[in-house]
Amino acid sequence: MQPSRFIRLTSMCVALAVAACVPLATVENVRHAPPAPGVEVSSAMAVRSAIERAARETGWTVDEDSGSQMLVRRSEKRRVAVLDVDYDANQYGLRYRDSEGFSYRWSPVADYGGTIINGERGRIHRDYNAWVTELDGAIQRYLKPTAQ
């Protein structure tokens, strides 16, 4: 075997071993989280506005908006996350739709725990969940009433 071929083969094996060790976590979905406790939202438009502002603040863009559901996307370096955001005057939900660069894995419903997505349980790199948690926190902030 030629030295350069050996080096390439060894490099590929190391890369695969490292990729196999990526820490995966359960896909975080926010299921129809109510606005902050004690907050009454006047309309779906107020929830929509909070979602849009939070998305801009945290690096997400709104690709589509049907009036009760948005498609939001965030891209950084070689990673992309896409969420469905359902909303109305009383609640909202953040749901995984697609991703690139987050080592997303699915498996049939099993007993290891996890979020059920279309009858499957998803596992994903923990950084994805950090993005979703950051967006959810920002939405909650924008739904809180301002001090008067």
N, C-alpha and C. Protein backbone atom coordinates (compact mmCIF):
# COMPACT_ATOMS: atom_id res chain seq x y z
N MET A 1 0.85 -1.18 0.00
CA MET A 1 0.00 0.00 0.00
C MET A 1 0.89 1.24 0.00
N GLN A 2 0.56 2.19 -0.82
CA GLN A 2 1.34 3.42 -0.89
C GLN A 2 1.12 4.25 0.36
N PRO A 3 2.16 5.00 0.81
CA PRO A 3 2.00 5.81 2.03
C PRO A 3 0.84 6.80 1.94
N SER A 4 0.66 7.46 0.80
CA SER A 4 -0.41 8.46 0.70
C SER A 4 -1.78 7.79 0.77
N ARG A 5 -1.90 6.62 0.20
CA ARG A 5 -3.16 5.90 0.25
C ARG A 5 -3.45 5.44 1.69
N PHE A 6 -2.41 5.00 2.38
CA PHE A 6 -2.54 4.59 3.76
C PHE A 6 -2.98 5.76 4.63
N ILE A 7 -2.39 6.91 4.40
CA ILE A 7 -2.74 8.12 5.18
C ILE A 7 -4.20 8.51 4.92
N ARG A 8 -4.62 8.45 3.67
CA ARG A 8 -6.01 8.78 3.35
C ARG A 8 -6.97 7.81 4.02
N LEU A 9 -6.67 6.53 3.94
CA LEU A 9 -7.52 5.52 4.55
C LEU A 9 -7.58 5.69 6.06
N THR A 10 -6.44 5.96 6.68
CA THR A 10 -6.40 6.20 8.13
C THR A 10 -7.19 7.44 8.49
N SER A 11 -7.05 8.50 7.72
CA SER A 11 -7.78 9.75 7.97
C SER A 11 -9.28 9.53 7.88
N MET A 12 -9.72 8.76 6.89
CA MET A 12 -11.15 8.48 6.76
C MET A 12 -11.65 7.69 7.96
N CYS A 13 -10.89 6.73 8.41
CA CYS A 13 -11.30 5.93 9.58
C CYS A 13 -11.40 6.80 10.83
N VAL A 14 -10.45 7.68 11.02
CA VAL A 14 -10.48 8.59 12.17
C VAL A 14 -11.69 9.52 12.08
N ALA A 15 -11.95 10.06 10.90
CA ALA A 15 -13.09 10.96 10.71
C ALA A 15 -14.41 10.23 11.01
N LEU A 16 -14.54 9.00 10.56
CA LEU A 16 -15.75 8.23 10.83
C LEU A 16 -15.89 7.93 12.32
N ALA A 17 -14.78 7.63 12.97
CA ALA A 17 -14.83 7.36 14.41
C ALA A 17 -15.26 8.60 15.18
N VAL A 18 -14.74 9.75 14.80
CA VAL A 18 -15.11 11.00 15.47
C VAL A 18 -16.58 11.32 15.22
N ALA A 19 -17.05 11.12 13.99
CA ALA A 19 -18.45 11.39 13.66
C ALA A 19 -19.38 10.48 14.46
N ALA A 20 -18.95 9.26 14.71
CA ALA A 20 -19.78 8.33 15.47
C ALA A 20 -19.89 8.73 16.94
N CYS A 21 -18.99 9.58 17.41
CA CYS A 21 -18.98 9.99 18.82
C CYS A 21 -19.70 11.31 19.07
N VAL A 22 -20.39 11.84 18.05
CA VAL A 22 -21.11 13.10 18.22
C VAL A 22 -22.18 12.91 19.30
N PRO A 23 -22.20 13.79 20.30
CA PRO A 23 -23.20 13.64 21.36
C PRO A 23 -24.59 14.00 20.84
N LEU A 24 -25.48 13.03 20.82
CA LEU A 24 -26.83 13.27 20.34
C LEU A 24 -27.78 13.37 21.52
N ALA A 25 -28.78 14.21 21.36
CA ALA A 25 -29.79 14.40 22.40
C ALA A 25 -31.16 14.23 21.75
N THR A 26 -32.18 14.13 22.55
CA THR A 26 -33.55 14.06 22.05
C THR A 26 -33.90 15.38 21.38
N VAL A 27 -34.56 15.32 20.23
CA VAL A 27 -34.99 16.54 19.54
C VAL A 27 -35.95 17.30 20.45
N GLU A 28 -35.66 18.58 20.69
CA GLU A 28 -36.51 19.43 21.52
C GLU A 28 -37.59 20.06 20.66
N ASN A 29 -38.82 19.76 21.00
CA ASN A 29 -39.97 20.45 20.43
C ASN A 29 -40.67 21.15 21.57
N VAL A 30 -41.15 22.34 21.34
CA VAL A 30 -41.95 23.05 22.33
C VAL A 30 -43.38 22.84 21.89
N ARG A 31 -44.13 22.14 22.67
CA ARG A 31 -45.49 21.80 22.28
C ARG A 31 -46.47 22.79 22.88
N HIS A 32 -46.91 23.69 22.06
CA HIS A 32 -47.96 24.64 22.41
C HIS A 32 -47.76 25.25 23.79
N ALA A 33 -46.59 25.79 23.98
CA ALA A 33 -46.29 26.46 25.25
C ALA A 33 -47.20 27.66 25.41
N PRO A 34 -47.79 27.80 26.56
CA PRO A 34 -48.61 28.99 26.78
C PRO A 34 -47.70 30.20 26.92
N PRO A 35 -48.22 31.37 26.70
CA PRO A 35 -47.41 32.55 26.99
C PRO A 35 -47.00 32.52 28.46
N ALA A 36 -46.13 33.39 28.84
CA ALA A 36 -45.64 33.44 30.22
C ALA A 36 -46.80 33.44 31.20
N PRO A 37 -46.65 32.80 32.37
CA PRO A 37 -47.74 32.74 33.35
C PRO A 37 -48.29 34.12 33.69
N GLY A 38 -49.62 34.22 33.72
CA GLY A 38 -50.25 35.47 34.08
C GLY A 38 -50.37 36.46 32.93
N VAL A 39 -49.92 36.09 31.73
CA VAL A 39 -49.96 37.01 30.59
C VAL A 39 -51.16 36.65 29.71
N GLU A 40 -51.97 37.63 29.43
CA GLU A 40 -53.05 37.43 28.49
C GLU A 40 -52.68 38.14 27.20
N VAL A 41 -52.67 37.38 26.12
CA VAL A 41 -52.33 37.93 24.81
C VAL A 41 -53.62 38.28 24.11
N SER A 42 -53.65 39.45 23.48
CA SER A 42 -54.90 39.94 22.91
C SER A 42 -55.28 39.28 21.60
N SER A 43 -54.30 38.77 20.84
CA SER A 43 -54.64 38.22 19.53
C SER A 43 -53.52 37.32 19.01
N ALA A 44 -53.87 36.59 17.97
CA ALA A 44 -52.86 35.78 17.29
C ALA A 44 -51.79 36.69 16.68
N MET A 45 -52.16 37.90 16.31
CA MET A 45 -51.19 38.85 15.74
C MET A 45 -50.13 39.22 16.77
N ALA A 46 -50.53 39.33 18.04
CA ALA A 46 -49.56 39.65 19.09
C ALA A 46 -48.58 38.50 19.27
N VAL A 47 -49.07 37.26 19.22
CA VAL A 47 -48.19 36.10 19.32
C VAL A 47 -47.29 36.05 18.09
N ARG A 48 -47.86 36.28 16.92
CA ARG A 48 -47.08 36.30 15.67
C ARG A 48 -45.96 37.33 15.75
N SER A 49 -46.28 38.52 16.23
CA SER A 49 -45.29 39.58 16.35
C SER A 49 -44.17 39.18 17.31
N ALA A 50 -44.52 38.55 18.42
CA ALA A 50 -43.51 38.09 19.39
C ALA A 50 -42.60 37.05 18.75
N ILE A 51 -43.18 36.14 17.97
CA ILE A 51 -42.38 35.11 17.30
C ILE A 51 -41.44 35.74 16.28
N GLU A 52 -41.95 36.67 15.48
CA GLU A 52 -41.12 37.32 14.46
C GLU A 52 -39.96 38.09 15.09
N ARG A 53 -40.25 38.84 16.15
CA ARG A 53 -39.20 39.63 16.81
C ARG A 53 -38.15 38.72 17.44
N ALA A 54 -38.62 37.65 18.08
CA ALA A 54 -37.70 36.70 18.71
C ALA A 54 -36.85 36.00 17.65
N ALA A 55 -37.46 35.67 16.54
CA ALA A 55 -36.73 35.01 15.45
C ALA A 55 -35.60 35.91 14.95
N ARG A 56 -35.91 37.17 14.69
CA ARG A 56 -34.88 38.11 14.22
C ARG A 56 -33.76 38.24 15.25
N GLU A 57 -34.13 38.36 16.50
CA GLU A 57 -33.15 38.55 17.58
C GLU A 57 -32.19 37.37 17.70
N THR A 58 -32.69 36.16 17.45
CA THR A 58 -31.88 34.97 17.68
C THR A 58 -31.31 34.35 16.40
N GLY A 59 -31.43 35.06 15.28
CA GLY A 59 -30.79 34.61 14.05
C GLY A 59 -31.64 33.73 13.15
N TRP A 60 -32.94 33.63 13.41
CA TRP A 60 -33.84 32.87 12.57
C TRP A 60 -34.49 33.81 11.56
N THR A 61 -34.88 33.28 10.41
CA THR A 61 -35.64 34.06 9.43
C THR A 61 -36.97 33.37 9.18
N VAL A 62 -38.01 34.16 8.95
CA VAL A 62 -39.33 33.61 8.65
C VAL A 62 -39.40 33.43 7.14
N ASP A 63 -39.51 32.18 6.70
CA ASP A 63 -39.59 31.88 5.27
C ASP A 63 -41.02 31.89 4.76
N GLU A 64 -41.95 31.46 5.58
CA GLU A 64 -43.36 31.40 5.18
C GLU A 64 -44.22 31.73 6.39
N ASP A 65 -45.42 32.27 6.13
CA ASP A 65 -46.37 32.52 7.21
C ASP A 65 -47.78 32.40 6.63
N SER A 66 -48.53 31.41 7.12
CA SER A 66 -49.88 31.17 6.60
C SER A 66 -50.95 31.81 7.46
N GLY A 67 -50.55 32.48 8.54
CA GLY A 67 -51.54 33.08 9.43
C GLY A 67 -51.76 32.28 10.70
N SER A 68 -51.37 31.03 10.70
CA SER A 68 -51.43 30.21 11.90
C SER A 68 -50.21 29.31 12.03
N GLN A 69 -49.37 29.34 11.01
CA GLN A 69 -48.14 28.55 11.03
C GLN A 69 -47.05 29.27 10.24
N MET A 70 -45.85 29.28 10.83
CA MET A 70 -44.69 29.86 10.16
C MET A 70 -43.68 28.76 9.90
N LEU A 71 -42.85 29.00 8.89
CA LEU A 71 -41.69 28.17 8.64
C LEU A 71 -40.49 29.07 8.91
N VAL A 72 -39.68 28.72 9.92
CA VAL A 72 -38.52 29.55 10.25
C VAL A 72 -37.26 28.74 10.02
N ARG A 73 -36.18 29.45 9.68
CA ARG A 73 -34.92 28.82 9.32
C ARG A 73 -33.77 29.59 9.96
N ARG A 74 -32.76 28.84 10.39
CA ARG A 74 -31.54 29.46 10.90
C ARG A 74 -30.35 28.74 10.28
N SER A 75 -29.42 29.53 9.77
CA SER A 75 -28.21 28.99 9.15
C SER A 75 -26.99 29.63 9.78
N GLU A 76 -26.05 28.81 10.16
CA GLU A 76 -24.76 29.28 10.65
C GLU A 76 -23.70 28.31 10.17
N LYS A 77 -22.69 28.85 9.54
CA LYS A 77 -21.60 28.04 9.00
C LYS A 77 -22.18 26.93 8.14
N ARG A 78 -21.97 25.69 8.48
CA ARG A 78 -22.48 24.58 7.66
C ARG A 78 -23.71 23.93 8.28
N ARG A 79 -24.39 24.63 9.14
CA ARG A 79 -25.56 24.09 9.82
C ARG A 79 -26.82 24.86 9.44
N VAL A 80 -27.90 24.12 9.27
CA VAL A 80 -29.20 24.72 8.96
C VAL A 80 -30.25 23.99 9.79
N ALA A 81 -31.14 24.74 10.40
CA ALA A 81 -32.27 24.17 11.13
C ALA A 81 -33.55 24.82 10.60
N VAL A 82 -34.58 24.01 10.44
CA VAL A 82 -35.87 24.49 9.95
C VAL A 82 -36.95 24.01 10.92
N LEU A 83 -37.80 24.94 11.35
CA LEU A 83 -38.87 24.62 12.29
C LEU A 83 -40.22 25.02 11.72
N ASP A 84 -41.25 24.28 12.10
CA ASP A 84 -42.63 24.71 11.92
C ASP A 84 -43.03 25.38 13.23
N VAL A 85 -43.62 26.55 13.14
CA VAL A 85 -44.08 27.27 14.33
C VAL A 85 -45.58 27.47 14.18
N ASP A 86 -46.34 26.73 15.00
CA ASP A 86 -47.80 26.87 15.01
C ASP A 86 -48.16 27.90 16.07
N TYR A 87 -49.15 28.73 15.81
CA TYR A 87 -49.52 29.74 16.80
C TYR A 87 -50.97 30.17 16.64
N ASP A 88 -51.53 30.66 17.75
CA ASP A 88 -52.82 31.34 17.76
C ASP A 88 -52.78 32.31 18.94
N ALA A 89 -53.91 32.84 19.34
CA ALA A 89 -53.94 33.85 20.40
C ALA A 89 -53.57 33.29 21.76
N ASN A 90 -53.67 31.98 21.94
CA ASN A 90 -53.47 31.38 23.26
C ASN A 90 -52.20 30.56 23.44
N GLN A 91 -51.55 30.21 22.35
CA GLN A 91 -50.42 29.29 22.46
C GLN A 91 -49.55 29.32 21.21
N TYR A 92 -48.40 28.67 21.31
CA TYR A 92 -47.55 28.47 20.14
C TYR A 92 -46.78 27.17 20.34
N GLY A 93 -46.25 26.65 19.24
CA GLY A 93 -45.46 25.43 19.31
C GLY A 93 -44.32 25.49 18.31
N LEU A 94 -43.16 24.97 18.72
CA LEU A 94 -41.98 24.90 17.85
C LEU A 94 -41.74 23.43 17.56
N ARG A 95 -41.70 23.06 16.28
CA ARG A 95 -41.60 21.65 15.91
C ARG A 95 -40.52 21.45 14.85
N TYR A 96 -39.67 20.46 15.08
CA TYR A 96 -38.61 20.11 14.13
C TYR A 96 -39.21 19.80 12.77
N ARG A 97 -38.59 20.35 11.73
CA ARG A 97 -39.00 20.02 10.36
C ARG A 97 -37.85 19.42 9.58
N ASP A 98 -36.66 20.06 9.65
CA ASP A 98 -35.53 19.58 8.87
C ASP A 98 -34.25 20.19 9.42
N SER A 99 -33.12 19.60 9.06
CA SER A 99 -31.84 20.17 9.47
C SER A 99 -30.73 19.61 8.60
N GLU A 100 -29.61 20.32 8.60
CA GLU A 100 -28.38 19.88 7.94
C GLU A 100 -27.24 20.17 8.90
N GLY A 101 -26.31 19.24 9.01
CA GLY A 101 -25.12 19.47 9.83
C GLY A 101 -25.31 19.24 11.31
N PHE A 102 -26.46 18.68 11.71
CA PHE A 102 -26.72 18.42 13.13
C PHE A 102 -26.77 16.93 13.46
N SER A 103 -26.36 16.09 12.53
CA SER A 103 -26.33 14.64 12.74
C SER A 103 -27.67 14.09 13.20
N TYR A 104 -28.75 14.58 12.59
CA TYR A 104 -30.10 14.11 12.96
C TYR A 104 -30.23 12.63 12.68
N ARG A 105 -30.78 11.91 13.63
CA ARG A 105 -31.03 10.48 13.49
C ARG A 105 -32.47 10.21 13.93
N TRP A 106 -33.12 9.33 13.26
CA TRP A 106 -34.44 8.92 13.69
C TRP A 106 -34.41 7.42 13.90
N SER A 107 -35.36 6.96 14.64
CA SER A 107 -35.54 5.52 14.80
C SER A 107 -37.01 5.28 15.09
N PRO A 108 -37.47 4.08 14.81
CA PRO A 108 -38.88 3.79 15.13
C PRO A 108 -39.11 4.01 16.62
N VAL A 109 -40.35 4.24 16.98
CA VAL A 109 -40.68 4.47 18.38
C VAL A 109 -40.06 3.36 19.21
N ALA A 110 -39.28 3.76 20.20
CA ALA A 110 -38.58 2.81 21.07
C ALA A 110 -38.72 3.29 22.50
N ASP A 111 -38.15 2.59 23.44
CA ASP A 111 -38.32 3.00 24.83
C ASP A 111 -37.12 3.73 25.41
N TYR A 112 -36.27 4.31 24.57
CA TYR A 112 -35.14 5.07 25.10
C TYR A 112 -35.51 6.50 25.42
N GLY A 113 -36.74 6.88 25.22
CA GLY A 113 -37.16 8.26 25.48
C GLY A 113 -36.96 9.10 24.24
N GLY A 114 -37.57 10.24 24.21
CA GLY A 114 -37.39 11.12 23.07
C GLY A 114 -38.71 11.68 22.61
N THR A 115 -38.64 12.60 21.72
CA THR A 115 -39.82 13.27 21.20
C THR A 115 -40.36 12.48 20.01
N ILE A 116 -41.64 12.23 20.01
CA ILE A 116 -42.23 11.51 18.89
C ILE A 116 -42.46 12.50 17.75
N ILE A 117 -41.92 12.19 16.59
CA ILE A 117 -42.08 13.02 15.41
C ILE A 117 -42.62 12.12 14.31
N ASN A 118 -43.85 12.32 13.91
CA ASN A 118 -44.46 11.48 12.89
C ASN A 118 -44.28 10.00 13.21
N GLY A 119 -44.49 9.63 14.47
CA GLY A 119 -44.38 8.24 14.87
C GLY A 119 -42.95 7.78 15.08
N GLU A 120 -42.00 8.70 15.05
CA GLU A 120 -40.60 8.35 15.23
C GLU A 120 -40.02 9.18 16.35
N ARG A 121 -38.92 8.74 16.88
CA ARG A 121 -38.23 9.51 17.92
C ARG A 121 -36.94 10.02 17.32
N GLY A 122 -36.73 11.31 17.42
CA GLY A 122 -35.56 11.91 16.81
C GLY A 122 -34.43 12.14 17.81
N ARG A 123 -33.21 12.00 17.33
CA ARG A 123 -32.00 12.32 18.09
C ARG A 123 -31.21 13.28 17.22
N ILE A 124 -30.59 14.26 17.88
CA ILE A 124 -29.91 15.32 17.14
C ILE A 124 -28.79 15.90 17.99
N HIS A 125 -27.86 16.60 17.35
CA HIS A 125 -26.78 17.25 18.08
C HIS A 125 -27.35 18.25 19.07
N ARG A 126 -26.78 18.31 20.24
CA ARG A 126 -27.33 19.17 21.31
C ARG A 126 -27.33 20.65 20.95
N ASP A 127 -26.50 21.09 20.02
CA ASP A 127 -26.50 22.50 19.62
C ASP A 127 -27.83 22.90 18.98
N TYR A 128 -28.47 21.97 18.29
CA TYR A 128 -29.79 22.26 17.71
C TYR A 128 -30.76 22.62 18.83
N ASN A 129 -30.75 21.82 19.89
CA ASN A 129 -31.65 22.09 21.01
C ASN A 129 -31.36 23.43 21.65
N ALA A 130 -30.09 23.82 21.69
CA ALA A 130 -29.72 25.13 22.24
C ALA A 130 -30.35 26.24 21.38
N TRP A 131 -30.35 26.09 20.07
CA TRP A 131 -30.97 27.08 19.19
C TRP A 131 -32.46 27.19 19.47
N VAL A 132 -33.14 26.05 19.61
CA VAL A 132 -34.58 26.04 19.85
C VAL A 132 -34.90 26.65 21.22
N THR A 133 -34.12 26.30 22.22
CA THR A 133 -34.32 26.85 23.57
C THR A 133 -34.12 28.36 23.57
N GLU A 134 -33.13 28.83 22.84
CA GLU A 134 -32.88 30.27 22.75
C GLU A 134 -34.06 30.98 22.09
N LEU A 135 -34.59 30.41 21.01
CA LEU A 135 -35.75 31.01 20.33
C LEU A 135 -36.97 31.01 21.25
N ASP A 136 -37.22 29.90 21.93
CA ASP A 136 -38.36 29.82 22.84
C ASP A 136 -38.24 30.86 23.95
N GLY A 137 -37.06 31.00 24.53
CA GLY A 137 -36.85 32.00 25.59
C GLY A 137 -37.11 33.41 25.11
N ALA A 138 -36.68 33.71 23.89
CA ALA A 138 -36.90 35.05 23.33
C ALA A 138 -38.39 35.28 23.08
N ILE A 139 -39.10 34.27 22.59
CA ILE A 139 -40.55 34.41 22.37
C ILE A 139 -41.23 34.71 23.71
N GLN A 140 -40.87 33.96 24.73
CA GLN A 140 -41.47 34.18 26.06
C GLN A 140 -41.21 35.60 26.55
N ARG A 141 -40.00 36.10 26.34
CA ARG A 141 -39.68 37.49 26.74
C ARG A 141 -40.57 38.49 26.04
N TYR A 142 -40.78 38.30 24.74
CA TYR A 142 -41.61 39.24 23.98
C TYR A 142 -43.08 39.13 24.31
N LEU A 143 -43.49 38.01 24.87
CA LEU A 143 -44.90 37.86 25.26
C LEU A 143 -45.18 38.45 26.64
N LYS A 144 -44.13 38.71 27.41
CA LYS A 144 -44.34 39.29 28.75
C LYS A 144 -44.74 40.75 28.59
N PRO A 145 -45.62 41.19 29.47
CA PRO A 145 -46.03 42.61 29.39
C PRO A 145 -44.86 43.51 29.82
N THR A 146 -44.83 44.67 29.22
CA THR A 146 -43.79 45.65 29.62
C THR A 146 -44.25 46.38 30.86
N ALA A 147 -43.30 46.74 31.67
CA ALA A 147 -43.64 47.49 32.92
C ALA A 147 -44.20 48.85 32.55
N GLN A 148 -45.23 49.23 33.26
CA GLN A 148 -45.86 50.53 32.94
C GLN A 148 -45.74 51.47 34.11
